[in-house]
Amino acid sequence: MTDFLDPFERMIAALFSPAAVRAAERGEPDDRAWTELAASGFLDALVPEDAGGAGLSFADIVPLWLVLGRHAVPCPVGETMIARALLAQAGRAAPDGPVAIAVQAPGSAGRVIGAALARHLLVEWEGNLYLAAVPGEADGGDGELAASVRWDSEAATPVGPIVPGGLRRAAAVLRAALIAGAADRLTTMTAGYANERIQFGKPIGKQQALQQQLAVMAEDMVAARIAAHIGGAGSFPPALAAAATAKSVASGAAARVAAIAHAVHGAIGISEEYDLQLYTRRLQAWRLADGSESYWNRLLGAERLAAPSGSVDFVRTALAPA
């Protein structure tokens, strides 16, 4: 695992420093970063070896997505990995440049996360995939990397069929992993700040109330990580129960982790110069992207109620790795 994970983390850390993330949010992304990513081969990590990729399993990819979250990567790197894998499955060549993903009806406008830095959109509609051009313009305010996208089925390139909801399920596991990675970084930052910030002659981290908050934060961080790995443990695209579990747990954790991080840091956490807000803003965006916890909880509850077995047997079978 470390044979490719450690080099990937070193590359991502070098390409996406906080300064580079801020530049991308200002609409000034470094094109050389994407060129280096493409040259590294990691964008084709999910593509089978006989199609020119690395042939990694879905479970192998989740740790890479955790790295993307730990560094608040603004570009749709994970989305492009998913798109390239699905295009390869359909025997289609992948386009150059970043690819955003969405489940959206043609002609309707929808906000797509990462679309502000993407060149193409892989979209699912009625059980089929289409590849469309996407305008690379953010329209959500400072630091917003989502964009309102409208695609035309006549102008788009048909790719082929997909398991209904499969693209959103894959995206849900991606968002869960990104949340878990960012939560990891925030927990480290917040614990470090609590041990450094002196108040009344001692670190604020010595206060029992803050220690309790940090413990809850750490629990949520670990829960999100475990949920992301559960989502990626089976097939690609994942089963409904796996995707729903991953996203509902991670999205629920995202709100609490962000709140505790800002509560401990106080006013400095919202300052533009301090890195904390780079991660908490991402957490909130990833929490809502491709369905919040309430959306996935409804789907998971419906699947459980439709199952003939009890809850324990349902968990054993529905979440069993492939």
Protein backbone atom coordinates (compact mmCIF):
# COMPACT_ATOMS: atom_id res chain seq x y z
CA MET A 1 0.00 0.00 0.00
CA THR A 2 2.72 2.46 0.93
CA ASP A 3 4.40 1.74 -2.42
CA PHE A 4 2.02 4.17 -4.09
CA LEU A 5 0.36 5.98 -1.15
CA ASP A 6 3.48 7.70 0.18
CA PRO A 7 4.60 9.03 -3.25
CA PHE A 8 1.04 10.21 -3.90
CA GLU A 9 0.89 12.12 -0.63
CA ARG A 10 4.27 13.74 -1.25
CA MET A 11 3.16 14.83 -4.73
CA ILE A 12 -0.19 16.21 -3.52
CA ALA A 13 1.48 18.07 -0.65
CA ALA A 14 3.93 19.67 -3.05
CA LEU A 15 1.34 20.59 -5.69
CA PHE A 16 -1.44 21.79 -3.40
CA SER A 17 0.03 23.89 -0.64
CA PRO A 18 -2.39 26.25 1.15
CA ALA A 19 -1.09 29.03 -1.12
CA ALA A 20 -1.92 26.97 -4.22
CA VAL A 21 -5.39 26.20 -2.87
CA ARG A 22 -6.03 29.89 -2.28
CA ALA A 23 -4.85 30.70 -5.81
CA ALA A 24 -7.27 28.15 -7.27
CA GLU A 25 -10.09 29.66 -5.25
CA ARG A 26 -9.25 33.04 -6.77
CA GLY A 27 -9.61 31.50 -10.23
CA GLU A 28 -5.86 31.20 -10.73
CA PRO A 29 -5.14 27.44 -10.68
CA ASP A 30 -1.65 26.27 -11.61
CA ASP A 31 -2.04 24.28 -14.84
CA ARG A 32 1.34 22.66 -14.19
CA ALA A 33 -0.15 20.88 -11.19
CA TRP A 34 -2.71 19.12 -13.36
CA THR A 35 -0.06 18.31 -15.97
CA GLU A 36 2.08 16.64 -13.31
CA LEU A 37 -0.91 14.75 -11.93
CA ALA A 38 -1.78 13.43 -15.38
CA ALA A 39 1.82 12.43 -16.04
CA SER A 40 2.02 10.55 -12.73
CA GLY A 41 -0.58 8.01 -13.84
CA PHE A 42 -2.62 8.33 -10.65
CA LEU A 43 -5.64 9.65 -12.55
CA ASP A 44 -5.89 6.19 -14.15
CA ALA A 45 -5.51 4.32 -10.87
CA LEU A 46 -8.98 2.73 -11.19
CA VAL A 47 -8.59 1.95 -14.90
CA PRO A 48 -7.84 -1.75 -15.62
CA GLU A 49 -4.29 -2.63 -16.59
CA ASP A 50 -5.37 -3.92 -20.00
CA ALA A 51 -6.81 -0.45 -20.69
CA GLY A 52 -3.58 1.31 -19.71
CA GLY A 53 -4.32 1.99 -16.06
CA ALA A 54 -2.96 0.82 -12.73
CA GLY A 55 -5.78 -1.65 -12.11
CA LEU A 56 -6.20 -0.75 -8.43
CA SER A 57 -9.32 -1.90 -6.62
CA PHE A 58 -11.97 0.44 -5.27
CA ALA A 59 -10.68 -0.28 -1.75
CA ASP A 60 -7.16 0.74 -2.82
CA ILE A 61 -8.43 4.11 -4.04
CA VAL A 62 -10.05 5.26 -0.80
CA PRO A 63 -6.71 6.01 0.95
CA LEU A 64 -5.74 8.19 -2.03
CA TRP A 65 -8.97 10.14 -1.66
CA LEU A 66 -8.24 10.59 2.05
CA VAL A 67 -5.01 12.32 1.00
CA LEU A 68 -6.96 14.69 -1.26
CA GLY A 69 -9.14 15.68 1.69
CA ARG A 70 -6.15 16.13 4.00
CA HIS A 71 -4.76 18.74 1.60
CA ALA A 72 -8.07 20.40 0.64
CA VAL A 73 -7.33 19.74 -3.04
CA PRO A 74 -9.56 22.10 -5.04
CA CYS A 75 -9.37 20.32 -8.41
CA PRO A 76 -11.74 17.42 -9.18
CA VAL A 77 -9.02 14.77 -8.91
CA GLY A 78 -11.15 12.03 -7.38
CA GLU A 79 -13.98 12.80 -9.79
CA THR A 80 -11.60 12.43 -12.72
CA MET A 81 -10.42 9.06 -11.39
CA ILE A 82 -14.05 7.89 -11.30
CA ALA A 83 -14.80 9.29 -14.75
CA ARG A 84 -11.74 7.71 -16.35
CA ALA A 85 -12.59 4.32 -14.84
CA LEU A 86 -16.19 4.42 -16.07
CA LEU A 87 -15.11 5.61 -19.52
CA ALA A 88 -12.60 2.75 -19.70
CA GLN A 89 -15.33 0.27 -18.72
CA ALA A 90 -17.37 1.55 -21.66
CA GLY A 91 -14.39 1.34 -24.03
CA ARG A 92 -14.21 5.12 -24.41
CA ALA A 93 -11.11 7.29 -24.40
CA ALA A 94 -10.85 9.77 -21.55
CA PRO A 95 -10.66 13.48 -22.44
CA ASP A 96 -7.77 15.66 -21.38
CA GLY A 97 -8.18 17.79 -18.32
CA PRO A 98 -10.29 17.63 -15.15
CA VAL A 99 -13.71 15.97 -15.27
CA ALA A 100 -16.58 16.78 -12.89
CA ILE A 101 -19.40 14.31 -12.26
CA ALA A 102 -23.13 14.76 -11.69
CA VAL A 103 -26.54 13.13 -11.85
CA GLN A 104 -28.66 15.67 -13.66
CA ALA A 105 -31.44 15.95 -16.24
CA PRO A 106 -30.52 17.51 -19.59
CA GLY A 107 -31.52 21.13 -19.94
CA SER A 108 -31.77 21.69 -16.19
CA ALA A 109 -29.31 23.85 -14.29
CA GLY A 110 -27.61 22.18 -11.34
CA ARG A 111 -24.72 23.11 -9.10
CA VAL A 112 -21.82 20.74 -9.60
CA ILE A 113 -18.95 20.70 -7.13
CA GLY A 114 -15.55 21.08 -8.79
CA ALA A 115 -17.09 22.21 -12.08
CA ALA A 116 -15.43 25.62 -11.82
CA LEU A 117 -12.07 23.93 -12.52
CA ALA A 118 -13.31 21.19 -14.86
CA ARG A 119 -13.27 20.97 -18.63
CA HIS A 120 -15.78 18.16 -18.99
CA LEU A 121 -18.78 16.74 -17.16
CA LEU A 122 -19.58 13.05 -16.90
CA VAL A 123 -23.28 13.01 -16.20
CA GLU A 124 -25.73 10.20 -15.46
CA TRP A 125 -29.33 10.39 -16.56
CA GLU A 126 -31.91 7.58 -16.69
CA GLY A 127 -29.31 4.84 -16.36
CA ASN A 128 -26.98 6.17 -19.06
CA LEU A 129 -23.75 8.15 -18.99
CA TYR A 130 -22.96 11.16 -21.17
CA LEU A 131 -19.81 13.24 -21.58
CA ALA A 132 -20.41 16.95 -22.02
CA ALA A 133 -18.37 20.12 -22.12
CA VAL A 134 -18.61 22.25 -18.99
CA PRO A 135 -17.97 25.98 -18.59
CA GLY A 136 -15.19 26.57 -16.12
CA GLU A 137 -16.61 29.54 -14.28
CA ALA A 138 -17.40 29.68 -10.57
CA ASP A 139 -20.56 31.58 -9.69
CA GLY A 140 -20.95 31.07 -5.97
CA GLY A 141 -18.82 33.77 -4.42
CA ASP A 142 -15.28 33.92 -3.10
CA GLY A 143 -13.64 30.55 -2.72
CA GLU A 144 -16.57 28.68 -4.28
CA LEU A 145 -15.45 26.01 -6.73
CA ALA A 146 -18.87 24.70 -7.64
CA ALA A 147 -20.60 26.05 -10.74
CA SER A 148 -24.10 26.01 -12.18
CA VAL A 149 -23.98 23.63 -15.14
CA ARG A 150 -26.54 22.99 -17.86
CA TRP A 151 -25.83 20.21 -20.35
CA ASP A 152 -27.44 19.41 -23.69
CA SER A 153 -28.15 15.76 -24.50
CA GLU A 154 -27.93 16.50 -28.22
CA ALA A 155 -24.45 17.99 -27.92
CA ALA A 156 -23.16 15.49 -25.35
CA THR A 157 -21.37 12.24 -26.26
CA PRO A 158 -23.24 9.09 -25.19
CA VAL A 159 -20.94 6.84 -23.14
CA GLY A 160 -23.09 3.86 -22.27
CA PRO A 161 -25.30 2.40 -19.53
CA ILE A 162 -24.56 2.37 -15.82
CA VAL A 163 -26.28 0.84 -12.81
CA PRO A 164 -29.00 3.40 -12.00
CA GLY A 165 -27.60 5.73 -9.36
CA GLY A 166 -24.14 4.25 -9.77
CA LEU A 167 -22.40 7.54 -10.47
CA ARG A 168 -23.90 9.19 -7.41
CA ARG A 169 -22.97 6.21 -5.24
CA ALA A 170 -19.35 6.40 -6.40
CA ALA A 171 -19.38 10.14 -5.76
CA ALA A 172 -20.82 9.57 -2.28
CA VAL A 173 -17.89 7.34 -1.30
CA LEU A 174 -15.49 9.92 -2.73
CA ARG A 175 -17.08 12.71 -0.66
CA ALA A 176 -16.96 10.50 2.45
CA ALA A 177 -13.25 9.91 1.96
CA LEU A 178 -12.60 13.61 1.35
CA ILE A 179 -14.48 14.49 4.53
CA ALA A 180 -12.51 11.89 6.50
CA GLY A 181 -9.21 13.25 5.19
CA ALA A 182 -10.08 16.85 5.98
CA ALA A 183 -11.37 15.82 9.42
CA ASP A 184 -8.02 14.15 10.07
CA ARG A 185 -6.16 17.37 9.27
CA LEU A 186 -8.58 19.49 11.32
CA THR A 187 -8.27 17.23 14.35
CA THR A 188 -4.49 17.53 14.24
CA MET A 189 -4.64 21.30 13.77
CA THR A 190 -7.17 21.80 16.55
CA ALA A 191 -5.37 19.60 19.09
CA GLY A 192 -2.11 21.39 18.28
CA TYR A 193 -3.69 24.81 18.71
CA ALA A 194 -5.30 23.79 22.02
CA ASN A 195 -1.90 22.73 23.36
CA GLU A 196 -0.20 25.94 22.19
CA ARG A 197 -2.81 28.58 23.09
CA ILE A 198 -2.11 29.84 26.62
CA GLN A 199 -4.92 31.29 28.71
CA PHE A 200 -4.74 32.06 32.42
CA GLY A 201 -1.24 30.65 32.52
CA LYS A 202 -1.89 27.24 30.98
CA PRO A 203 -2.79 25.72 27.57
CA ILE A 204 -6.53 25.77 26.88
CA GLY A 205 -6.20 22.09 26.01
CA LYS A 206 -5.84 21.40 29.74
CA GLN A 207 -9.47 22.43 30.26
CA GLN A 208 -11.73 19.42 30.69
CA ALA A 209 -14.51 20.92 28.58
CA LEU A 210 -12.16 21.35 25.60
CA GLN A 211 -10.72 17.88 26.09
CA GLN A 212 -14.23 16.49 25.81
CA GLN A 213 -14.81 18.40 22.58
CA LEU A 214 -11.52 17.18 21.14
CA ALA A 215 -12.45 13.60 22.07
CA VAL A 216 -15.76 13.92 20.23
CA MET A 217 -13.93 15.40 17.25
CA ALA A 218 -11.48 12.50 17.16
CA GLU A 219 -14.33 9.98 17.39
CA ASP A 220 -16.10 11.60 14.44
CA MET A 221 -12.88 11.66 12.44
CA VAL A 222 -12.31 7.94 12.96
CA ALA A 223 -15.98 7.13 12.26
CA ALA A 224 -15.82 9.00 8.95
CA ARG A 225 -12.64 7.16 7.98
CA ILE A 226 -14.14 3.76 8.79
CA ALA A 227 -17.32 4.64 6.90
CA ALA A 228 -15.32 5.68 3.83
CA HIS A 229 -13.45 2.38 3.85
CA ILE A 230 -16.77 0.50 4.19
CA GLY A 231 -18.06 2.37 1.14
CA GLY A 232 -15.04 1.34 -0.90
CA ALA A 233 -14.78 -2.25 0.31
CA GLY A 234 -17.13 -3.73 -2.30
CA SER A 235 -17.84 -3.28 -5.97
CA PHE A 236 -17.31 -0.25 -8.20
CA PRO A 237 -19.72 1.48 -8.50
CA PRO A 238 -20.64 0.58 -4.91
CA ALA A 239 -23.84 -0.99 -3.67
CA LEU A 240 -26.51 1.34 -2.32
CA ALA A 241 -26.09 0.30 1.33
CA ALA A 242 -22.32 0.79 1.22
CA ALA A 243 -22.53 4.22 -0.39
CA ALA A 244 -25.35 5.34 1.90
CA THR A 245 -23.49 4.22 5.03
CA ALA A 246 -20.31 5.98 3.96
CA LYS A 247 -21.93 9.28 3.08
CA SER A 248 -24.46 9.49 5.91
CA VAL A 249 -21.84 8.83 8.61
CA ALA A 250 -19.26 11.15 7.06
CA SER A 251 -21.70 13.98 6.37
CA GLY A 252 -23.03 13.81 9.92
CA ALA A 253 -19.49 13.95 11.26
CA ALA A 254 -18.52 16.86 8.98
CA ALA A 255 -20.82 19.37 10.68
CA ARG A 256 -19.65 18.45 14.19
CA VAL A 257 -15.96 18.42 13.28
CA ALA A 258 -16.20 21.86 11.67
CA ALA A 259 -18.14 23.28 14.60
CA ILE A 260 -15.69 22.00 17.21
CA ALA A 261 -12.69 23.17 15.20
CA HIS A 262 -14.06 26.72 15.10
CA ALA A 263 -15.20 26.63 18.72
CA VAL A 264 -11.70 25.74 19.92
CA HIS A 265 -9.88 28.15 17.62
CA GLY A 266 -12.20 31.09 18.21
CA ALA A 267 -11.96 34.15 15.99
CA ILE A 268 -8.67 33.23 14.33
CA GLY A 269 -10.33 30.22 12.69
CA ILE A 270 -12.43 32.36 10.36
CA SER A 271 -9.62 34.70 9.32
CA GLU A 272 -8.60 34.48 5.68
CA GLU A 273 -4.92 34.16 6.53
CA TYR A 274 -5.41 31.12 8.77
CA ASP A 275 -5.67 27.71 7.06
CA LEU A 276 -8.51 26.34 9.19
CA GLN A 277 -11.26 27.81 7.04
CA LEU A 278 -9.82 26.17 3.93
CA TYR A 279 -10.79 22.81 5.42
CA THR A 280 -14.03 23.67 7.22
CA ARG A 281 -15.48 25.26 4.09
CA ARG A 282 -14.59 22.11 2.16
CA LEU A 283 -16.26 19.99 4.83
CA GLN A 284 -19.52 21.88 4.46
CA ALA A 285 -19.42 21.67 0.66
CA TRP A 286 -18.62 17.94 0.64
CA ARG A 287 -21.28 17.30 3.26
CA LEU A 288 -24.00 18.57 0.93
CA ALA A 289 -22.53 17.35 -2.36
CA ASP A 290 -24.28 14.30 -3.86
CA GLY A 291 -26.76 14.14 -1.00
CA SER A 292 -26.51 15.07 2.67
CA GLU A 293 -26.88 12.58 5.52
CA SER A 294 -30.68 12.91 5.51
CA TYR A 295 -30.86 11.97 1.80
CA TRP A 296 -28.77 8.84 2.25
CA ASN A 297 -30.43 7.89 5.53
CA ARG A 298 -33.80 7.78 3.75
CA LEU A 299 -32.42 5.49 1.05
CA LEU A 300 -30.66 3.27 3.58
CA GLY A 301 -33.78 3.05 5.74
CA ALA A 302 -35.93 2.09 2.76
CA GLU A 303 -33.50 -0.67 1.78
CA ARG A 304 -33.43 -2.01 5.34
CA LEU A 305 -37.24 -2.07 5.56
CA ALA A 306 -37.43 -3.92 2.25
CA ALA A 307 -35.02 -6.62 3.45
CA PRO A 308 -36.57 -9.81 4.85
CA SER A 309 -33.85 -10.35 7.47
CA GLY A 310 -33.23 -8.60 10.76
CA SER A 311 -31.00 -5.57 11.13
CA VAL A 312 -27.89 -7.52 12.15
CA ASP A 313 -28.19 -9.89 9.18
CA PHE A 314 -28.90 -6.94 6.91
CA VAL A 315 -25.68 -5.24 7.97
CA ARG A 316 -23.70 -8.46 7.55
CA THR A 317 -24.96 -9.05 4.03
CA ALA A 318 -25.47 -5.53 2.67
CA LEU A 319 -22.09 -4.26 3.87
CA ALA A 320 -20.06 -7.41 3.25
CA PRO A 321 -17.02 -6.76 1.02
CA ALA A 322 -17.29 -8.21 -2.46
